[in-house]
Amino acid sequence: MAGESVQVGDKRYRERFGRYFEDFEVGATYEHRPGRTLSESDNTWFALLTMNTHPIHFDAEYAKHSEFGRPLVVSTLTLAVLVGMSVSDTSQKAIANLGWDKIRLPKPVFAGDTLYAESTVLSKRESKSRPDQGIVTIKTLGRNQRQEIVCEFERAMLVMRRGNPLEEHAGY
């Protein structure tokens, strides 16, 4: 499904990502690659962009005296990277995110950690009010390089069905 190509002209091809509503299978797990190593700069910039002023994220001296002994990656950066890793496979053809639920952060993330993600389809149903769309709910797990789960969450999305009029305008 993800990353296929379609011919759009003579000797011309366009890469296609994502899954249509019909392509999701309840119980299927999709691994998202490549992984992403988070740097100290990623963490500092994200803290600045989001106005997160807690020193545990960017003050090494402060963090040295915490239970972690070093700066923590901002938890919403971890969440954002894992969501981003899943987009090309699970929500590239989504019309909208409907919500995130049950967000858990069981282990800390530090600069230098590499994140990997996978999403399992929990449910899917046709939209009652939009016949060219359906609702898909997935659970995404984020693991570090030691295979420890560092983040997990559920996400519901409104996903286009094949033949949706948006396809033509979005270049799908």
N, C-alpha and C. Protein backbone atom coordinates (compact mmCIF):
# COMPACT_ATOMS: atom_id res chain seq x y z
N MET A 1 0.81 -1.19 0.00
CA MET A 1 0.00 0.00 0.00
C MET A 1 0.86 1.26 0.00
N ALA A 2 1.62 1.45 1.05
CA ALA A 2 2.40 2.67 1.19
C ALA A 2 3.58 2.65 0.22
N GLY A 3 3.83 3.78 -0.41
CA GLY A 3 5.01 3.92 -1.25
C GLY A 3 4.89 3.30 -2.63
N GLU A 4 3.69 3.03 -3.11
CA GLU A 4 3.55 2.49 -4.45
C GLU A 4 3.64 3.64 -5.46
N SER A 5 3.84 3.30 -6.74
CA SER A 5 3.90 4.32 -7.79
C SER A 5 2.80 4.06 -8.80
N VAL A 6 2.29 5.15 -9.37
CA VAL A 6 1.30 5.04 -10.43
C VAL A 6 1.79 5.84 -11.63
N GLN A 7 1.46 5.35 -12.80
CA GLN A 7 1.85 6.06 -14.02
C GLN A 7 0.88 7.22 -14.22
N VAL A 8 1.45 8.43 -14.44
CA VAL A 8 0.62 9.62 -14.64
C VAL A 8 0.85 10.25 -16.00
N GLY A 9 1.68 9.63 -16.80
CA GLY A 9 1.97 10.13 -18.13
C GLY A 9 2.95 9.20 -18.82
N ASP A 10 3.37 9.58 -20.04
CA ASP A 10 4.34 8.79 -20.77
C ASP A 10 5.68 8.81 -20.04
N LYS A 11 6.14 7.66 -19.58
CA LYS A 11 7.40 7.53 -18.84
C LYS A 11 7.45 8.45 -17.62
N ARG A 12 6.29 8.65 -17.00
CA ARG A 12 6.20 9.54 -15.84
C ARG A 12 5.40 8.83 -14.74
N TYR A 13 5.97 8.81 -13.53
CA TYR A 13 5.37 8.09 -12.41
C TYR A 13 5.30 8.98 -11.18
N ARG A 14 4.30 8.76 -10.38
CA ARG A 14 4.14 9.52 -9.14
C ARG A 14 4.07 8.54 -7.98
N GLU A 15 4.88 8.83 -6.96
CA GLU A 15 4.88 8.03 -5.75
C GLU A 15 3.59 8.29 -4.98
N ARG A 16 2.99 7.23 -4.46
CA ARG A 16 1.76 7.35 -3.68
C ARG A 16 1.98 6.76 -2.30
N PHE A 17 1.47 7.44 -1.31
CA PHE A 17 1.61 6.99 0.07
C PHE A 17 0.24 6.84 0.70
N GLY A 18 0.21 6.14 1.77
CA GLY A 18 -1.00 6.05 2.57
C GLY A 18 -1.91 4.91 2.17
N ARG A 19 -2.93 4.76 2.97
CA ARG A 19 -3.92 3.71 2.75
C ARG A 19 -5.30 4.35 2.66
N TYR A 20 -6.08 3.83 1.75
CA TYR A 20 -7.49 4.19 1.70
C TYR A 20 -8.20 3.45 2.82
N PHE A 21 -9.39 3.90 3.17
CA PHE A 21 -10.18 3.25 4.20
C PHE A 21 -10.27 1.74 3.95
N GLU A 22 -10.49 1.37 2.70
CA GLU A 22 -10.66 -0.05 2.36
C GLU A 22 -9.41 -0.89 2.62
N ASP A 23 -8.24 -0.26 2.66
CA ASP A 23 -6.98 -0.97 2.80
C ASP A 23 -6.64 -1.33 4.26
N PHE A 24 -7.30 -0.70 5.20
CA PHE A 24 -7.02 -0.98 6.61
C PHE A 24 -7.67 -2.29 7.01
N GLU A 25 -6.93 -3.09 7.78
CA GLU A 25 -7.43 -4.37 8.25
C GLU A 25 -7.32 -4.38 9.78
N VAL A 26 -8.44 -4.59 10.45
CA VAL A 26 -8.43 -4.63 11.91
C VAL A 26 -7.48 -5.74 12.37
N GLY A 27 -6.59 -5.39 13.30
CA GLY A 27 -5.61 -6.34 13.82
C GLY A 27 -4.26 -6.29 13.11
N ALA A 28 -4.21 -5.67 11.93
CA ALA A 28 -2.94 -5.58 11.19
C ALA A 28 -2.04 -4.55 11.86
N THR A 29 -0.74 -4.83 11.85
CA THR A 29 0.26 -3.91 12.41
C THR A 29 1.17 -3.46 11.29
N TYR A 30 1.37 -2.14 11.20
CA TYR A 30 2.21 -1.54 10.18
C TYR A 30 3.44 -0.95 10.87
N GLU A 31 4.63 -1.39 10.48
CA GLU A 31 5.87 -0.85 11.02
C GLU A 31 6.27 0.37 10.22
N HIS A 32 6.63 1.44 10.91
CA HIS A 32 6.99 2.70 10.24
C HIS A 32 8.50 2.86 10.29
N ARG A 33 9.11 2.98 9.14
CA ARG A 33 10.55 3.15 9.04
C ARG A 33 10.84 4.27 8.06
N PRO A 34 11.96 4.95 8.16
CA PRO A 34 13.10 4.66 9.04
C PRO A 34 12.85 5.16 10.45
N GLY A 35 13.75 4.80 11.35
CA GLY A 35 13.72 5.33 12.70
C GLY A 35 14.20 6.78 12.69
N ARG A 36 14.14 7.41 13.85
CA ARG A 36 14.57 8.82 13.95
C ARG A 36 15.34 9.01 15.24
N THR A 37 16.61 9.40 15.12
CA THR A 37 17.44 9.70 16.28
C THR A 37 17.22 11.16 16.66
N LEU A 38 16.86 11.38 17.91
CA LEU A 38 16.60 12.74 18.40
C LEU A 38 17.90 13.34 18.93
N SER A 39 18.15 14.58 18.56
CA SER A 39 19.37 15.26 18.99
C SER A 39 19.06 16.27 20.08
N GLU A 40 20.10 16.77 20.70
CA GLU A 40 19.95 17.84 21.69
C GLU A 40 19.35 19.08 21.02
N SER A 41 19.77 19.35 19.80
CA SER A 41 19.22 20.51 19.06
C SER A 41 17.73 20.35 18.79
N ASP A 42 17.31 19.14 18.38
CA ASP A 42 15.87 18.90 18.17
C ASP A 42 15.10 19.26 19.43
N ASN A 43 15.60 18.79 20.56
CA ASN A 43 14.92 18.99 21.83
C ASN A 43 14.88 20.46 22.23
N THR A 44 16.02 21.14 22.09
CA THR A 44 16.07 22.57 22.45
C THR A 44 15.16 23.39 21.56
N TRP A 45 15.21 23.15 20.24
CA TRP A 45 14.36 23.91 19.33
C TRP A 45 12.89 23.67 19.61
N PHE A 46 12.53 22.40 19.86
CA PHE A 46 11.13 22.10 20.13
C PHE A 46 10.68 22.78 21.42
N ALA A 47 11.51 22.76 22.44
CA ALA A 47 11.18 23.45 23.70
C ALA A 47 10.96 24.94 23.43
N LEU A 48 11.84 25.54 22.63
CA LEU A 48 11.70 26.96 22.31
C LEU A 48 10.44 27.24 21.48
N LEU A 49 10.21 26.42 20.45
CA LEU A 49 9.05 26.63 19.57
C LEU A 49 7.73 26.51 20.31
N THR A 50 7.69 25.62 21.30
CA THR A 50 6.44 25.37 22.02
C THR A 50 6.36 26.15 23.33
N MET A 51 7.38 26.96 23.60
CA MET A 51 7.44 27.80 24.79
C MET A 51 7.43 26.97 26.08
N ASN A 52 8.02 25.79 26.01
CA ASN A 52 8.14 24.93 27.18
C ASN A 52 9.39 25.38 27.94
N THR A 53 9.18 26.03 29.05
CA THR A 53 10.29 26.64 29.78
C THR A 53 10.81 25.79 30.94
N HIS A 54 10.38 24.55 31.02
CA HIS A 54 10.87 23.72 32.14
C HIS A 54 12.34 23.39 31.91
N PRO A 55 13.21 23.71 32.88
CA PRO A 55 14.65 23.52 32.70
C PRO A 55 15.10 22.07 32.57
N ILE A 56 14.25 21.11 32.89
CA ILE A 56 14.64 19.70 32.76
C ILE A 56 14.94 19.36 31.30
N HIS A 57 14.46 20.20 30.37
CA HIS A 57 14.62 19.91 28.94
C HIS A 57 15.83 20.56 28.30
N PHE A 58 16.40 21.61 28.92
CA PHE A 58 17.50 22.31 28.24
C PHE A 58 18.59 22.82 29.17
N ASP A 59 18.48 22.61 30.47
CA ASP A 59 19.49 23.06 31.42
C ASP A 59 20.19 21.82 31.98
N ALA A 60 21.35 21.50 31.42
CA ALA A 60 22.06 20.27 31.79
C ALA A 60 22.44 20.26 33.27
N GLU A 61 22.78 21.40 33.82
CA GLU A 61 23.16 21.47 35.24
C GLU A 61 21.95 21.17 36.12
N TYR A 62 20.81 21.76 35.79
CA TYR A 62 19.57 21.47 36.52
C TYR A 62 19.23 19.98 36.41
N ALA A 63 19.24 19.47 35.17
CA ALA A 63 18.85 18.09 34.92
C ALA A 63 19.79 17.10 35.60
N LYS A 64 21.06 17.48 35.75
CA LYS A 64 22.05 16.61 36.40
C LYS A 64 21.62 16.24 37.82
N HIS A 65 20.87 17.11 38.45
CA HIS A 65 20.44 16.88 39.83
C HIS A 65 19.06 16.22 39.92
N SER A 66 18.46 15.91 38.78
CA SER A 66 17.16 15.23 38.76
C SER A 66 17.39 13.72 38.86
N GLU A 67 16.32 12.97 38.99
CA GLU A 67 16.43 11.51 39.04
C GLU A 67 16.98 10.93 37.74
N PHE A 68 16.91 11.69 36.64
CA PHE A 68 17.36 11.20 35.34
C PHE A 68 18.84 11.50 35.07
N GLY A 69 19.37 12.51 35.74
CA GLY A 69 20.78 12.85 35.63
C GLY A 69 21.18 13.57 34.35
N ARG A 70 20.22 13.85 33.49
CA ARG A 70 20.49 14.55 32.23
C ARG A 70 19.17 15.08 31.67
N PRO A 71 19.23 15.98 30.69
CA PRO A 71 17.99 16.56 30.15
C PRO A 71 17.08 15.50 29.51
N LEU A 72 15.80 15.68 29.71
CA LEU A 72 14.78 14.84 29.08
C LEU A 72 14.34 15.47 27.77
N VAL A 73 14.02 14.63 26.79
CA VAL A 73 13.38 15.12 25.57
C VAL A 73 11.96 15.52 25.95
N VAL A 74 11.50 16.64 25.42
CA VAL A 74 10.13 17.11 25.67
C VAL A 74 9.17 16.01 25.22
N SER A 75 8.25 15.63 26.10
CA SER A 75 7.36 14.50 25.80
C SER A 75 6.49 14.74 24.56
N THR A 76 6.09 15.99 24.33
CA THR A 76 5.28 16.25 23.14
C THR A 76 6.10 16.17 21.86
N LEU A 77 7.43 16.32 21.95
CA LEU A 77 8.29 16.07 20.79
C LEU A 77 8.28 14.58 20.47
N THR A 78 8.40 13.76 21.50
CA THR A 78 8.34 12.31 21.29
C THR A 78 7.03 11.95 20.59
N LEU A 79 5.92 12.46 21.11
CA LEU A 79 4.61 12.19 20.51
C LEU A 79 4.55 12.68 19.07
N ALA A 80 5.02 13.90 18.82
CA ALA A 80 4.96 14.47 17.47
C ALA A 80 5.79 13.67 16.47
N VAL A 81 6.97 13.23 16.87
CA VAL A 81 7.82 12.45 15.96
C VAL A 81 7.15 11.11 15.64
N LEU A 82 6.58 10.46 16.63
CA LEU A 82 5.93 9.17 16.39
C LEU A 82 4.70 9.32 15.51
N VAL A 83 3.92 10.38 15.71
CA VAL A 83 2.78 10.63 14.82
C VAL A 83 3.30 10.86 13.41
N GLY A 84 4.32 11.70 13.29
CA GLY A 84 4.90 11.99 11.97
C GLY A 84 5.41 10.75 11.27
N MET A 85 6.04 9.86 12.02
CA MET A 85 6.56 8.62 11.42
C MET A 85 5.44 7.77 10.84
N SER A 86 4.24 7.88 11.40
CA SER A 86 3.13 7.04 10.96
C SER A 86 2.34 7.63 9.79
N VAL A 87 2.55 8.89 9.48
CA VAL A 87 1.70 9.57 8.50
C VAL A 87 1.73 8.93 7.12
N SER A 88 2.91 8.68 6.56
CA SER A 88 2.96 8.19 5.18
C SER A 88 2.28 6.84 5.03
N ASP A 89 2.14 6.09 6.11
CA ASP A 89 1.52 4.77 6.03
C ASP A 89 0.06 4.78 6.47
N THR A 90 -0.27 5.53 7.53
CA THR A 90 -1.62 5.42 8.09
C THR A 90 -2.53 6.61 7.82
N SER A 91 -2.00 7.81 7.72
CA SER A 91 -2.91 8.96 7.61
C SER A 91 -2.62 9.89 6.43
N GLN A 92 -1.82 9.44 5.48
CA GLN A 92 -1.55 10.27 4.30
C GLN A 92 -2.84 10.57 3.54
N LYS A 93 -3.80 9.65 3.61
CA LYS A 93 -5.07 9.86 2.93
C LYS A 93 -6.18 10.23 3.92
N ALA A 94 -5.81 10.71 5.09
CA ALA A 94 -6.81 11.13 6.07
C ALA A 94 -7.34 12.52 5.71
N ILE A 95 -8.58 12.73 6.02
CA ILE A 95 -9.21 14.03 5.84
C ILE A 95 -8.95 14.87 7.09
N ALA A 96 -8.96 14.20 8.26
CA ALA A 96 -8.77 14.90 9.53
C ALA A 96 -8.40 13.91 10.62
N ASN A 97 -7.63 14.37 11.58
CA ASN A 97 -7.46 13.64 12.83
C ASN A 97 -8.68 13.95 13.67
N LEU A 98 -9.26 12.93 14.27
CA LEU A 98 -10.44 13.13 15.10
C LEU A 98 -10.09 13.18 16.58
N GLY A 99 -8.90 12.69 16.93
CA GLY A 99 -8.49 12.78 18.32
C GLY A 99 -7.43 11.77 18.69
N TRP A 100 -6.74 12.08 19.76
CA TRP A 100 -5.75 11.20 20.36
C TRP A 100 -6.27 10.82 21.73
N ASP A 101 -5.99 9.60 22.14
CA ASP A 101 -6.50 9.12 23.41
C ASP A 101 -5.47 8.19 24.04
N LYS A 102 -5.56 8.04 25.34
CA LYS A 102 -4.75 7.08 26.09
C LYS A 102 -3.25 7.25 25.82
N ILE A 103 -2.78 8.48 25.82
CA ILE A 103 -1.36 8.75 25.61
C ILE A 103 -0.60 8.36 26.88
N ARG A 104 0.39 7.50 26.73
CA ARG A 104 1.20 7.04 27.86
C ARG A 104 2.67 7.20 27.51
N LEU A 105 3.48 7.54 28.50
CA LEU A 105 4.92 7.74 28.33
C LEU A 105 5.64 6.91 29.41
N PRO A 106 5.74 5.60 29.23
CA PRO A 106 6.26 4.73 30.29
C PRO A 106 7.76 4.82 30.55
N LYS A 107 8.55 5.32 29.61
CA LYS A 107 10.00 5.45 29.79
C LYS A 107 10.45 6.81 29.28
N PRO A 108 11.50 7.38 29.89
CA PRO A 108 12.00 8.67 29.42
C PRO A 108 12.75 8.54 28.09
N VAL A 109 12.80 9.65 27.36
CA VAL A 109 13.56 9.73 26.11
C VAL A 109 14.63 10.79 26.30
N PHE A 110 15.85 10.49 25.82
CA PHE A 110 16.98 11.39 25.95
C PHE A 110 17.56 11.69 24.57
N ALA A 111 18.27 12.81 24.46
CA ALA A 111 18.99 13.11 23.21
C ALA A 111 19.90 11.92 22.91
N GLY A 112 19.93 11.52 21.66
CA GLY A 112 20.72 10.36 21.24
C GLY A 112 19.89 9.10 21.11
N ASP A 113 18.68 9.08 21.68
CA ASP A 113 17.81 7.91 21.52
C ASP A 113 17.25 7.89 20.10
N THR A 114 17.08 6.69 19.57
CA THR A 114 16.47 6.50 18.26
C THR A 114 15.08 5.91 18.47
N LEU A 115 14.09 6.54 17.87
CA LEU A 115 12.71 6.09 17.99
C LEU A 115 12.29 5.28 16.77
N TYR A 116 11.50 4.26 17.02
CA TYR A 116 10.89 3.43 15.98
C TYR A 116 9.41 3.33 16.33
N ALA A 117 8.56 3.26 15.32
CA ALA A 117 7.12 3.24 15.58
C ALA A 117 6.43 2.13 14.80
N GLU A 118 5.32 1.70 15.35
CA GLU A 118 4.43 0.76 14.67
C GLU A 118 3.01 1.06 15.09
N SER A 119 2.07 0.84 14.18
CA SER A 119 0.67 1.10 14.46
C SER A 119 -0.17 -0.13 14.17
N THR A 120 -1.08 -0.44 15.08
CA THR A 120 -2.00 -1.56 14.92
C THR A 120 -3.41 -1.00 14.77
N VAL A 121 -4.15 -1.52 13.80
CA VAL A 121 -5.52 -1.07 13.56
C VAL A 121 -6.43 -1.69 14.61
N LEU A 122 -7.07 -0.83 15.41
CA LEU A 122 -7.99 -1.29 16.45
C LEU A 122 -9.41 -1.45 15.93
N SER A 123 -9.83 -0.51 15.09
CA SER A 123 -11.20 -0.58 14.56
C SER A 123 -11.31 0.26 13.30
N LYS A 124 -12.36 0.01 12.55
CA LYS A 124 -12.70 0.84 11.40
C LYS A 124 -14.19 0.72 11.16
N ARG A 125 -14.78 1.81 10.69
CA ARG A 125 -16.19 1.79 10.34
C ARG A 125 -16.45 2.86 9.29
N GLU A 126 -17.45 2.62 8.49
CA GLU A 126 -17.84 3.61 7.49
C GLU A 126 -18.43 4.82 8.20
N SER A 127 -18.22 5.99 7.63
CA SER A 127 -18.82 7.20 8.18
C SER A 127 -20.32 7.17 7.87
N LYS A 128 -21.12 7.52 8.87
CA LYS A 128 -22.57 7.54 8.67
C LYS A 128 -23.01 8.75 7.86
N SER A 129 -22.25 9.85 7.96
CA SER A 129 -22.65 11.09 7.28
C SER A 129 -21.84 11.40 6.02
N ARG A 130 -20.73 10.67 5.81
CA ARG A 130 -19.87 10.93 4.66
C ARG A 130 -19.57 9.63 3.94
N PRO A 131 -20.33 9.30 2.91
CA PRO A 131 -20.19 8.00 2.25
C PRO A 131 -18.83 7.77 1.57
N ASP A 132 -18.07 8.83 1.30
CA ASP A 132 -16.78 8.66 0.65
C ASP A 132 -15.62 8.64 1.66
N GLN A 133 -15.97 8.44 2.96
CA GLN A 133 -14.95 8.43 4.02
C GLN A 133 -15.31 7.39 5.08
N GLY A 134 -14.29 7.03 5.89
CA GLY A 134 -14.51 6.11 6.99
C GLY A 134 -13.64 6.51 8.17
N ILE A 135 -13.93 5.94 9.32
CA ILE A 135 -13.19 6.25 10.55
C ILE A 135 -12.33 5.04 10.91
N VAL A 136 -11.04 5.31 11.09
CA VAL A 136 -10.08 4.27 11.46
C VAL A 136 -9.43 4.67 12.78
N THR A 137 -9.33 3.73 13.70
CA THR A 137 -8.65 3.97 14.97
C THR A 137 -7.45 3.04 15.06
N ILE A 138 -6.29 3.63 15.36
CA ILE A 138 -5.05 2.87 15.47
C ILE A 138 -4.43 3.07 16.85
N LYS A 139 -3.60 2.13 17.23
CA LYS A 139 -2.77 2.28 18.43
C LYS A 139 -1.33 2.28 17.96
N THR A 140 -0.60 3.34 18.31
CA THR A 140 0.80 3.45 17.90
C THR A 140 1.68 3.24 19.12
N LEU A 141 2.71 2.41 18.94
CA LEU A 141 3.74 2.18 19.95
C LEU A 141 5.03 2.78 19.45
N GLY A 142 5.72 3.50 20.32
CA GLY A 142 7.04 4.03 20.02
C GLY A 142 8.05 3.34 20.91
N ARG A 143 9.10 2.83 20.30
CA ARG A 143 10.16 2.15 21.05
C ARG A 143 11.48 2.85 20.80
N ASN A 144 12.39 2.73 21.78
CA ASN A 144 13.73 3.25 21.58
C ASN A 144 14.62 2.15 21.01
N GLN A 145 15.90 2.45 20.87
CA GLN A 145 16.86 1.50 20.29
C GLN A 145 17.04 0.25 21.13
N ARG A 146 16.59 0.27 22.38
CA ARG A 146 16.66 -0.90 23.25
C ARG A 146 15.34 -1.67 23.25
N GLN A 147 14.44 -1.30 22.35
CA GLN A 147 13.12 -1.92 22.21
C GLN A 147 12.20 -1.66 23.40
N GLU A 148 12.53 -0.66 24.22
CA GLU A 148 11.67 -0.27 25.33
C GLU A 148 10.56 0.62 24.80
N ILE A 149 9.33 0.39 25.23
CA ILE A 149 8.23 1.26 24.83
C ILE A 149 8.38 2.58 25.58
N VAL A 150 8.50 3.67 24.83
CA VAL A 150 8.67 5.00 25.42
C VAL A 150 7.40 5.85 25.29
N CYS A 151 6.51 5.44 24.39
CA CYS A 151 5.27 6.20 24.18
C CYS A 151 4.27 5.28 23.50
N GLU A 152 3.01 5.42 23.88
CA GLU A 152 1.92 4.72 23.19
C GLU A 152 0.69 5.61 23.23
N PHE A 153 -0.12 5.49 22.18
CA PHE A 153 -1.33 6.31 22.10
C PHE A 153 -2.28 5.71 21.08
N GLU A 154 -3.54 6.10 21.19
CA GLU A 154 -4.54 5.74 20.20
C GLU A 154 -4.90 7.00 19.42
N ARG A 155 -5.18 6.82 18.14
CA ARG A 155 -5.53 7.96 17.29
C ARG A 155 -6.67 7.56 16.37
N ALA A 156 -7.70 8.40 16.28
CA ALA A 156 -8.82 8.18 15.37
C ALA A 156 -8.69 9.17 14.22
N MET A 157 -8.94 8.66 13.01
CA MET A 157 -8.78 9.48 11.80
C MET A 157 -9.97 9.28 10.87
N LEU A 158 -10.33 10.33 10.17
CA LEU A 158 -11.32 10.26 9.11
C LEU A 158 -10.52 10.06 7.81
N VAL A 159 -10.72 8.92 7.15
CA VAL A 159 -9.89 8.52 6.02
C VAL A 159 -10.73 8.42 4.75
N MET A 160 -10.18 8.91 3.64
CA MET A 160 -10.93 8.85 2.39
C MET A 160 -11.01 7.42 1.86
N ARG A 161 -12.11 7.15 1.18
CA ARG A 161 -12.30 5.88 0.47
C ARG A 161 -11.78 6.08 -0.95
N ARG A 162 -11.55 4.99 -1.64
CA ARG A 162 -11.18 5.08 -3.05
C ARG A 162 -12.27 5.84 -3.80
N GLY A 163 -11.84 6.70 -4.72
CA GLY A 163 -12.79 7.47 -5.52
C GLY A 163 -13.23 8.77 -4.87
N ASN A 164 -12.68 9.10 -3.71
CA ASN A 164 -13.02 10.35 -3.04
C ASN A 164 -12.61 11.51 -3.95
N PRO A 165 -13.46 12.53 -4.09
CA PRO A 165 -13.14 13.67 -4.97
C PRO A 165 -11.84 14.39 -4.60
N LEU A 166 -11.40 14.32 -3.35
CA LEU A 166 -10.16 14.99 -2.95
C LEU A 166 -8.93 14.38 -3.62
N GLU A 167 -9.02 13.12 -3.99
CA GLU A 167 -7.87 12.45 -4.63
C GLU A 167 -7.35 13.22 -5.82
N GLU A 168 -8.26 13.65 -6.65
CA GLU A 168 -7.90 14.34 -7.89
C GLU A 168 -7.14 15.64 -7.60
N HIS A 169 -7.54 16.36 -6.58
CA HIS A 169 -6.94 17.65 -6.26
C HIS A 169 -5.65 17.52 -5.45
N ALA A 170 -5.49 16.41 -4.75
CA ALA A 170 -4.31 16.23 -3.91
C ALA A 170 -3.20 15.50 -4.64
N GLY A 171 -3.44 15.09 -5.86
CA GLY A 171 -2.41 14.40 -6.62
C GLY A 171 -2.21 12.96 -6.22
N TYR A 172 -3.21 12.35 -5.60
CA TYR A 172 -3.10 10.95 -5.21
C TYR A 172 -3.32 10.06 -6.40
